[in-house]
């Protein structure tokens, strides 16, 4: 029963994260104003806003202009629902559950924003970083300096890559890795980086071969960071062992 509750809660919050991820980069309030179709500006009714179900019942189209609704919307709702329920299964009612839910929330907003605009909003990163720092100071004060060191490693790693590649990654990626370094620690933020690069690089090659993207075309790297961070957060020890075995020889 509780697992289902967290699933439903995740679906509702996933819908909310879509709104935040779409509005914050445009400097629009996500607390005011009715949801509307981005193509025809038709105001959506409550029946059109039921997480997951509305997308399926409407045949994946806007009820007014019949434009296809981006799969990003329902994907965010489904993934958030699954991750919220999985977090409860893993951590129960604990501080770790709060951290997991906050991390998922931040990453889902980043995913929506970066996929849509290729922007990772500073406001979102600063808001969640302040929450993580507050929790760390009061619940894990002994490891606060190590968390700061993790943030430094994450931030510096991407800063170095930006300098080396002359813009191969963006400032938003750099700041996101700084926040992830604070949460995950320096070892696991490195694992996150290599997972993101592996997945992003592999898919980019596939897209190039399929001619879905052009050579030197800019693509959002945030979604791959999101995947890497989630994989590391939930199964970090497993991926760290693989990472050490690969680079130990």
C-alpha atoms as a PDB file:
ATOM      1  CA  UNK A   1       0.000   0.000   0.000  1.00  0.00           C
ATOM      2  CA  UNK A   2       2.781   2.420   0.936  1.00  0.00           C
ATOM      3  CA  UNK A   3       4.727   1.518  -2.189  1.00  0.00           C
ATOM      4  CA  UNK A   4       1.688   2.350  -4.318  1.00  0.00           C
ATOM      5  CA  UNK A   5       1.301   5.622  -2.425  1.00  0.00           C
ATOM      6  CA  UNK A   6       4.882   6.595  -3.263  1.00  0.00           C
ATOM      7  CA  UNK A   7       4.304   5.568  -6.883  1.00  0.00           C
ATOM      8  CA  UNK A   8       1.262   7.845  -7.146  1.00  0.00           C
ATOM      9  CA  UNK A   9       3.109  10.604  -5.308  1.00  0.00           C
ATOM     10  CA  UNK A  10       5.980  10.264  -7.769  1.00  0.00           C
ATOM     11  CA  UNK A  11       3.629  10.486 -10.750  1.00  0.00           C
ATOM     12  CA  UNK A  12       2.059  13.683  -9.390  1.00  0.00           C
ATOM     13  CA  UNK A  13       5.433  15.235  -8.612  1.00  0.00           C
ATOM     14  CA  UNK A  14       6.736  14.120 -12.000  1.00  0.00           C
ATOM     15  CA  UNK A  15       3.970  16.161 -13.618  1.00  0.00           C
ATOM     16  CA  UNK A  16       4.954  19.106 -11.432  1.00  0.00           C
ATOM     17  CA  UNK A  17       8.624  18.713 -12.385  1.00  0.00           C
ATOM     18  CA  UNK A  18       7.610  19.027 -16.037  1.00  0.00           C
ATOM     19  CA  UNK A  19       6.061  22.401 -15.247  1.00  0.00           C
ATOM     20  CA  UNK A  20       9.104  23.568 -13.262  1.00  0.00           C
ATOM     21  CA  UNK A  21      11.580  22.374 -15.892  1.00  0.00           C
ATOM     22  CA  UNK A  22       9.670  24.120 -18.669  1.00  0.00           C
ATOM     23  CA  UNK A  23       8.970  27.412 -16.891  1.00  0.00           C
ATOM     24  CA  UNK A  24      12.004  28.237 -14.742  1.00  0.00           C
ATOM     25  CA  UNK A  25      14.461  28.597 -17.684  1.00  0.00           C
ATOM     26  CA  UNK A  26      11.972  31.029 -19.250  1.00  0.00           C
ATOM     27  CA  UNK A  27      11.751  33.027 -15.988  1.00  0.00           C
ATOM     28  CA  UNK A  28       8.082  32.141 -15.635  1.00  0.00           C
ATOM     29  CA  UNK A  29       6.411  31.314 -12.334  1.00  0.00           C
ATOM     30  CA  UNK A  30       5.593  27.640 -11.878  1.00  0.00           C
ATOM     31  CA  UNK A  31       3.139  28.452  -9.071  1.00  0.00           C
ATOM     32  CA  UNK A  32       0.894  30.765 -11.059  1.00  0.00           C
ATOM     33  CA  UNK A  33      -0.898  30.376 -14.357  1.00  0.00           C
ATOM     34  CA  UNK A  34      -2.834  27.450 -15.783  1.00  0.00           C
ATOM     35  CA  UNK A  35      -1.105  24.730 -17.764  1.00  0.00           C
ATOM     36  CA  UNK A  36      -1.559  25.152 -21.507  1.00  0.00           C
ATOM     37  CA  UNK A  37      -0.530  23.512 -24.763  1.00  0.00           C
ATOM     38  CA  UNK A  38       2.794  25.054 -25.869  1.00  0.00           C
ATOM     39  CA  UNK A  39       1.659  24.963 -29.508  1.00  0.00           C
ATOM     40  CA  UNK A  40      -1.901  26.359 -29.500  1.00  0.00           C
ATOM     41  CA  UNK A  41      -1.966  27.823 -25.959  1.00  0.00           C
ATOM     42  CA  UNK A  42      -5.207  25.997 -25.226  1.00  0.00           C
ATOM     43  CA  UNK A  43      -5.797  25.939 -21.465  1.00  0.00           C
ATOM     44  CA  UNK A  44      -5.713  22.376 -20.158  1.00  0.00           C
ATOM     45  CA  UNK A  45      -8.531  21.161 -17.907  1.00  0.00           C
ATOM     46  CA  UNK A  46      -8.030  18.935 -14.886  1.00  0.00           C
ATOM     47  CA  UNK A  47      -8.977  15.891 -16.967  1.00  0.00           C
ATOM     48  CA  UNK A  48      -6.053  16.667 -19.257  1.00  0.00           C
ATOM     49  CA  UNK A  49      -3.602  16.831 -16.353  1.00  0.00           C
ATOM     50  CA  UNK A  50      -3.965  13.414 -14.731  1.00  0.00           C
ATOM     51  CA  UNK A  51      -0.392  12.044 -14.644  1.00  0.00           C
ATOM     52  CA  UNK A  52       0.331   9.232 -17.131  1.00  0.00           C
ATOM     53  CA  UNK A  53      -3.357   8.398 -17.771  1.00  0.00           C
ATOM     54  CA  UNK A  54      -4.169  11.648 -19.575  1.00  0.00           C
ATOM     55  CA  UNK A  55      -1.298  11.095 -21.994  1.00  0.00           C
ATOM     56  CA  UNK A  56      -2.604   7.639 -22.875  1.00  0.00           C
ATOM     57  CA  UNK A  57      -6.319   8.513 -22.973  1.00  0.00           C
ATOM     58  CA  UNK A  58      -5.701  11.520 -25.223  1.00  0.00           C
ATOM     59  CA  UNK A  59      -3.822   9.359 -27.683  1.00  0.00           C
ATOM     60  CA  UNK A  60      -0.589  11.298 -27.004  1.00  0.00           C
ATOM     61  CA  UNK A  61      -2.093  14.412 -28.611  1.00  0.00           C
ATOM     62  CA  UNK A  62      -3.234  17.845 -27.465  1.00  0.00           C
ATOM     63  CA  UNK A  63      -7.038  17.768 -26.978  1.00  0.00           C
ATOM     64  CA  UNK A  64      -7.348  21.019 -28.955  1.00  0.00           C
ATOM     65  CA  UNK A  65      -4.841  21.240 -31.803  1.00  0.00           C
ATOM     66  CA  UNK A  66      -4.053  17.498 -31.932  1.00  0.00           C
ATOM     67  CA  UNK A  67      -0.306  18.179 -31.914  1.00  0.00           C
ATOM     68  CA  UNK A  68       1.680  15.204 -30.625  1.00  0.00           C
ATOM     69  CA  UNK A  69       2.646  15.657 -26.977  1.00  0.00           C
ATOM     70  CA  UNK A  70       6.409  15.163 -26.418  1.00  0.00           C
ATOM     71  CA  UNK A  71       7.149  11.814 -24.807  1.00  0.00           C
ATOM     72  CA  UNK A  72       9.340  13.700 -22.315  1.00  0.00           C
ATOM     73  CA  UNK A  73       6.221  14.576 -20.320  1.00  0.00           C
ATOM     74  CA  UNK A  74       4.976  11.071 -19.620  1.00  0.00           C
ATOM     75  CA  UNK A  75       8.524   9.704 -19.386  1.00  0.00           C
ATOM     76  CA  UNK A  76       9.271  12.121 -16.542  1.00  0.00           C
ATOM     77  CA  UNK A  77       6.062  11.107 -14.754  1.00  0.00           C
ATOM     78  CA  UNK A  78       6.710   7.370 -15.133  1.00  0.00           C
ATOM     79  CA  UNK A  79      10.377   7.519 -14.141  1.00  0.00           C
ATOM     80  CA  UNK A  80       9.681   9.731 -11.131  1.00  0.00           C
ATOM     81  CA  UNK A  81       6.884   7.404  -9.993  1.00  0.00           C
ATOM     82  CA  UNK A  82       9.132   4.352 -10.325  1.00  0.00           C
ATOM     83  CA  UNK A  83      12.081   6.013  -8.571  1.00  0.00           C
ATOM     84  CA  UNK A  84       9.990   7.368  -5.681  1.00  0.00           C
ATOM     85  CA  UNK A  85       8.564   3.910  -4.972  1.00  0.00           C
ATOM     86  CA  UNK A  86      11.970   2.237  -5.399  1.00  0.00           C
ATOM     87  CA  UNK A  87      13.527   4.736  -2.991  1.00  0.00           C
ATOM     88  CA  UNK A  88      10.952   3.839  -0.358  1.00  0.00           C
ATOM     89  CA  UNK A  89      11.648   0.133  -0.873  1.00  0.00           C
ATOM     90  CA  UNK A  90      15.387   0.731  -0.428  1.00  0.00           C
ATOM     91  CA  UNK A  91      15.430   3.220   2.437  1.00  0.00           C
ATOM     92  CA  UNK A  92      12.052   3.119   4.202  1.00  0.00           C
ATOM     93  CA  UNK A  93      11.251   6.137   6.337  1.00  0.00           C
ATOM     94  CA  UNK A  94      14.726   7.600   6.869  1.00  0.00           C
ATOM     95  CA  UNK A  95      16.981  10.565   6.174  1.00  0.00           C
ATOM     96  CA  UNK A  96      18.338   8.638   3.207  1.00  0.00           C
ATOM     97  CA  UNK A  97      14.825   8.550   1.738  1.00  0.00           C
ATOM     98  CA  UNK A  98      14.580  12.344   1.980  1.00  0.00           C
ATOM     99  CA  UNK A  99      17.951  12.704   0.242  1.00  0.00           C
ATOM    100  CA  UNK A 100      16.896  10.243  -2.463  1.00  0.00           C
ATOM    101  CA  UNK A 101      13.618  12.046  -3.144  1.00  0.00           C
ATOM    102  CA  UNK A 102      15.342  15.427  -3.285  1.00  0.00           C
ATOM    103  CA  UNK A 103      18.014  14.106  -5.648  1.00  0.00           C
ATOM    104  CA  UNK A 104      15.405  12.540  -7.928  1.00  0.00           C
ATOM    105  CA  UNK A 105      13.436  15.788  -7.908  1.00  0.00           C
ATOM    106  CA  UNK A 106      16.448  17.868  -8.898  1.00  0.00           C
ATOM    107  CA  UNK A 107      17.523  15.463 -11.619  1.00  0.00           C
ATOM    108  CA  UNK A 108      14.060  15.191 -13.172  1.00  0.00           C
ATOM    109  CA  UNK A 109      13.778  18.977 -13.412  1.00  0.00           C
ATOM    110  CA  UNK A 110      17.266  19.140 -14.935  1.00  0.00           C
ATOM    111  CA  UNK A 111      16.299  16.427 -17.413  1.00  0.00           C
ATOM    112  CA  UNK A 112      13.203  18.299 -18.630  1.00  0.00           C
ATOM    113  CA  UNK A 113      14.999  21.636 -18.830  1.00  0.00           C
ATOM    114  CA  UNK A 114      18.091  20.372 -20.630  1.00  0.00           C
ATOM    115  CA  UNK A 115      16.166  18.237 -23.129  1.00  0.00           C
ATOM    116  CA  UNK A 116      13.857  21.150 -23.960  1.00  0.00           C
ATOM    117  CA  UNK A 117      16.170  24.171 -23.859  1.00  0.00           C
ATOM    118  CA  UNK A 118      19.702  22.760 -23.420  1.00  0.00           C
ATOM    119  CA  UNK A 119      19.824  24.784 -20.199  1.00  0.00           C
ATOM    120  CA  UNK A 120      20.394  23.691 -16.593  1.00  0.00           C
ATOM    121  CA  UNK A 121      18.923  26.501 -14.451  1.00  0.00           C
ATOM    122  CA  UNK A 122      21.148  27.981 -11.736  1.00  0.00           C
ATOM    123  CA  UNK A 123      18.072  28.606  -9.576  1.00  0.00           C
ATOM    124  CA  UNK A 124      17.270  24.909  -9.445  1.00  0.00           C
ATOM    125  CA  UNK A 125      20.834  23.869  -8.600  1.00  0.00           C
ATOM    126  CA  UNK A 126      21.205  26.523  -5.888  1.00  0.00           C
ATOM    127  CA  UNK A 127      17.848  25.650  -4.330  1.00  0.00           C
ATOM    128  CA  UNK A 128      18.612  21.950  -4.040  1.00  0.00           C
ATOM    129  CA  UNK A 129      22.236  22.501  -3.031  1.00  0.00           C
ATOM    130  CA  UNK A 130      21.059  24.631  -0.108  1.00  0.00           C
ATOM    131  CA  UNK A 131      18.716  21.825   0.992  1.00  0.00           C
ATOM    132  CA  UNK A 132      21.448  19.195   0.731  1.00  0.00           C
ATOM    133  CA  UNK A 133      23.872  21.389   2.672  1.00  0.00           C
ATOM    134  CA  UNK A 134      21.281  21.973   5.399  1.00  0.00           C
ATOM    135  CA  UNK A 135      20.678  18.228   5.763  1.00  0.00           C
ATOM    136  CA  UNK A 136      24.397  17.471   5.738  1.00  0.00           C
ATOM    137  CA  UNK A 137      25.283  20.061   8.372  1.00  0.00           C
ATOM    138  CA  UNK A 138      22.659  18.828  10.823  1.00  0.00           C
ATOM    139  CA  UNK A 139      22.640  15.092  10.084  1.00  0.00           C
ATOM    140  CA  UNK A 140      26.192  14.316   8.896  1.00  0.00           C
ATOM    141  CA  UNK A 141      28.407  17.132  10.253  1.00  0.00           C
ATOM    142  CA  UNK A 142      31.523  14.940  10.479  1.00  0.00           C
ATOM    143  CA  UNK A 143      31.601  14.357   6.722  1.00  0.00           C
ATOM    144  CA  UNK A 144      30.732  17.908   5.643  1.00  0.00           C
ATOM    145  CA  UNK A 145      34.304  18.735   4.583  1.00  0.00           C
ATOM    146  CA  UNK A 146      34.456  15.580   2.476  1.00  0.00           C
ATOM    147  CA  UNK A 147      31.211  16.631   0.809  1.00  0.00           C
ATOM    148  CA  UNK A 148      32.775  20.009  -0.010  1.00  0.00           C
ATOM    149  CA  UNK A 149      35.799  18.179  -1.418  1.00  0.00           C
ATOM    150  CA  UNK A 150      33.475  16.059  -3.560  1.00  0.00           C
ATOM    151  CA  UNK A 151      31.849  19.219  -4.895  1.00  0.00           C
ATOM    152  CA  UNK A 152      35.286  20.632  -5.712  1.00  0.00           C
ATOM    153  CA  UNK A 153      36.289  17.474  -7.601  1.00  0.00           C
ATOM    154  CA  UNK A 154      33.039  17.344  -9.566  1.00  0.00           C
ATOM    155  CA  UNK A 155      33.175  21.022 -10.496  1.00  0.00           C
ATOM    156  CA  UNK A 156      36.901  21.013 -11.308  1.00  0.00           C
ATOM    157  CA  UNK A 157      36.671  17.881 -13.463  1.00  0.00           C
ATOM    158  CA  UNK A 158      34.170  19.439 -15.849  1.00  0.00           C
ATOM    159  CA  UNK A 159      35.932  22.826 -15.738  1.00  0.00           C
ATOM    160  CA  UNK A 160      39.119  21.073 -16.877  1.00  0.00           C
ATOM    161  CA  UNK A 161      37.259  19.308 -19.697  1.00  0.00           C
ATOM    162  CA  UNK A 162      35.694  22.586 -20.839  1.00  0.00           C
ATOM    163  CA  UNK A 163      39.130  24.199 -21.005  1.00  0.00           C
ATOM    164  CA  UNK A 164      40.664  21.186 -22.710  1.00  0.00           C
ATOM    165  CA  UNK A 165      37.915  20.778 -25.305  1.00  0.00           C
ATOM    166  CA  UNK A 166      37.252  24.504 -25.700  1.00  0.00           C
ATOM    167  CA  UNK A 167      33.568  24.170 -24.886  1.00  0.00           C
ATOM    168  CA  UNK A 168      32.886  20.447 -25.225  1.00  0.00           C
ATOM    169  CA  UNK A 169      30.621  20.686 -22.200  1.00  0.00           C
ATOM    170  CA  UNK A 170      28.597  23.541 -20.759  1.00  0.00           C
ATOM    171  CA  UNK A 171      28.730  25.614 -17.589  1.00  0.00           C
ATOM    172  CA  UNK A 172      25.458  24.024 -16.498  1.00  0.00           C
ATOM    173  CA  UNK A 173      27.065  20.575 -16.639  1.00  0.00           C
ATOM    174  CA  UNK A 174      29.960  21.893 -14.552  1.00  0.00           C
ATOM    175  CA  UNK A 175      27.674  23.284 -11.848  1.00  0.00           C
ATOM    176  CA  UNK A 176      25.538  20.147 -11.839  1.00  0.00           C
ATOM    177  CA  UNK A 177      28.625  17.996 -11.288  1.00  0.00           C
ATOM    178  CA  UNK A 178      29.591  20.276  -8.416  1.00  0.00           C
ATOM    179  CA  UNK A 179      26.253  19.608  -6.713  1.00  0.00           C
ATOM    180  CA  UNK A 180      26.490  15.885  -7.468  1.00  0.00           C
ATOM    181  CA  UNK A 181      29.999  15.790  -6.025  1.00  0.00           C
ATOM    182  CA  UNK A 182      28.629  17.227  -2.771  1.00  0.00           C
ATOM    183  CA  UNK A 183      25.890  14.586  -2.617  1.00  0.00           C
ATOM    184  CA  UNK A 184      27.699  11.511  -3.918  1.00  0.00           C
ATOM    185  CA  UNK A 185      31.272  12.183  -2.814  1.00  0.00           C
ATOM    186  CA  UNK A 186      34.377  12.450  -4.955  1.00  0.00           C
ATOM    187  CA  UNK A 187      34.671   8.732  -5.807  1.00  0.00           C
ATOM    188  CA  UNK A 188      31.103   8.330  -6.947  1.00  0.00           C
ATOM    189  CA  UNK A 189      30.982  11.588  -8.871  1.00  0.00           C
ATOM    190  CA  UNK A 190      33.842  10.205 -10.976  1.00  0.00           C
ATOM    191  CA  UNK A 191      31.836   7.022 -11.539  1.00  0.00           C
ATOM    192  CA  UNK A 192      28.862   9.182 -12.535  1.00  0.00           C
ATOM    193  CA  UNK A 193      31.031  11.006 -15.046  1.00  0.00           C
ATOM    194  CA  UNK A 194      32.307   7.849 -16.720  1.00  0.00           C
ATOM    195  CA  UNK A 195      28.811   6.325 -16.905  1.00  0.00           C
ATOM    196  CA  UNK A 196      27.459   9.535 -18.455  1.00  0.00           C
ATOM    197  CA  UNK A 197      30.303   9.714 -20.982  1.00  0.00           C
ATOM    198  CA  UNK A 198      29.936   6.042 -21.898  1.00  0.00           C
ATOM    199  CA  UNK A 199      26.175   6.238 -22.430  1.00  0.00           C
ATOM    200  CA  UNK A 200      26.309   9.638 -24.109  1.00  0.00           C
ATOM    201  CA  UNK A 201      29.189   8.652 -26.377  1.00  0.00           C
ATOM    202  CA  UNK A 202      27.614   5.346 -27.378  1.00  0.00           C
ATOM    203  CA  UNK A 203      24.238   6.885 -28.201  1.00  0.00           C
ATOM    204  CA  UNK A 204      25.865   9.767 -30.082  1.00  0.00           C
ATOM    205  CA  UNK A 205      27.690   7.322 -32.355  1.00  0.00           C
ATOM    206  CA  UNK A 206      24.444   5.447 -32.971  1.00  0.00           C
ATOM    207  CA  UNK A 207      22.595   8.694 -33.753  1.00  0.00           C
ATOM    208  CA  UNK A 208      25.371   9.725 -36.139  1.00  0.00           C
ATOM    209  CA  UNK A 209      25.211   6.413 -37.973  1.00  0.00           C
ATOM    210  CA  UNK A 210      21.425   6.723 -38.195  1.00  0.00           C
ATOM    211  CA  UNK A 211      21.855  10.347 -39.327  1.00  0.00           C
ATOM    212  CA  UNK A 212      19.611  11.595 -36.529  1.00  0.00           C
ATOM    213  CA  UNK A 213      22.265  14.158 -35.628  1.00  0.00           C
ATOM    214  CA  UNK A 214      25.040  15.825 -37.593  1.00  0.00           C
ATOM    215  CA  UNK A 215      28.741  15.848 -36.838  1.00  0.00           C
ATOM    216  CA  UNK A 216      29.654  18.596 -34.335  1.00  0.00           C
ATOM    217  CA  UNK A 217      25.949  19.197 -33.617  1.00  0.00           C
ATOM    218  CA  UNK A 218      25.382  20.256 -30.016  1.00  0.00           C
ATOM    219  CA  UNK A 219      23.327  17.814 -27.964  1.00  0.00           C
ATOM    220  CA  UNK A 220      22.197  18.072 -24.326  1.00  0.00           C
ATOM    221  CA  UNK A 221      24.531  16.140 -22.025  1.00  0.00           C
ATOM    222  CA  UNK A 222      22.353  16.667 -18.951  1.00  0.00           C
ATOM    223  CA  UNK A 223      20.137  13.600 -19.542  1.00  0.00           C
ATOM    224  CA  UNK A 224      23.192  11.330 -19.554  1.00  0.00           C
ATOM    225  CA  UNK A 225      24.435  12.932 -16.339  1.00  0.00           C
ATOM    226  CA  UNK A 226      21.006  12.294 -14.835  1.00  0.00           C
ATOM    227  CA  UNK A 227      21.152   8.621 -15.797  1.00  0.00           C
ATOM    228  CA  UNK A 228      24.709   8.276 -14.497  1.00  0.00           C
ATOM    229  CA  UNK A 229      23.883   9.993 -11.204  1.00  0.00           C
ATOM    230  CA  UNK A 230      20.824   7.815 -10.573  1.00  0.00           C
ATOM    231  CA  UNK A 231      22.693   4.620 -11.402  1.00  0.00           C
ATOM    232  CA  UNK A 232      25.527   5.652  -9.096  1.00  0.00           C
ATOM    233  CA  UNK A 233      23.266   6.752  -6.247  1.00  0.00           C
ATOM    234  CA  UNK A 234      21.308   3.498  -6.140  1.00  0.00           C
ATOM    235  CA  UNK A 235      24.009   1.020  -7.240  1.00  0.00           C
ATOM    236  CA  UNK A 236      27.192   2.977  -6.619  1.00  0.00           C
ATOM    237  CA  UNK A 237      29.219   0.182  -5.035  1.00  0.00           C
ATOM    238  CA  UNK A 238      28.585  -2.120  -7.988  1.00  0.00           C
ATOM    239  CA  UNK A 239      29.674   0.462 -10.553  1.00  0.00           C
ATOM    240  CA  UNK A 240      32.625   1.571  -8.429  1.00  0.00           C
ATOM    241  CA  UNK A 241      33.906  -2.017  -8.368  1.00  0.00           C
ATOM    242  CA  UNK A 242      33.575  -2.230 -12.160  1.00  0.00           C
ATOM    243  CA  UNK A 243      35.292   1.144 -12.534  1.00  0.00           C
ATOM    244  CA  UNK A 244      38.215   0.071 -10.324  1.00  0.00           C
ATOM    245  CA  UNK A 245      38.609  -3.251 -12.136  1.00  0.00           C
ATOM    246  CA  UNK A 246      38.673  -1.551 -15.537  1.00  0.00           C
ATOM    247  CA  UNK A 247      41.180   1.136 -14.572  1.00  0.00           C
ATOM    248  CA  UNK A 248      43.306  -1.043 -12.301  1.00  0.00           C
ATOM    249  CA  UNK A 249      44.859  -2.820 -15.269  1.00  0.00           C
END
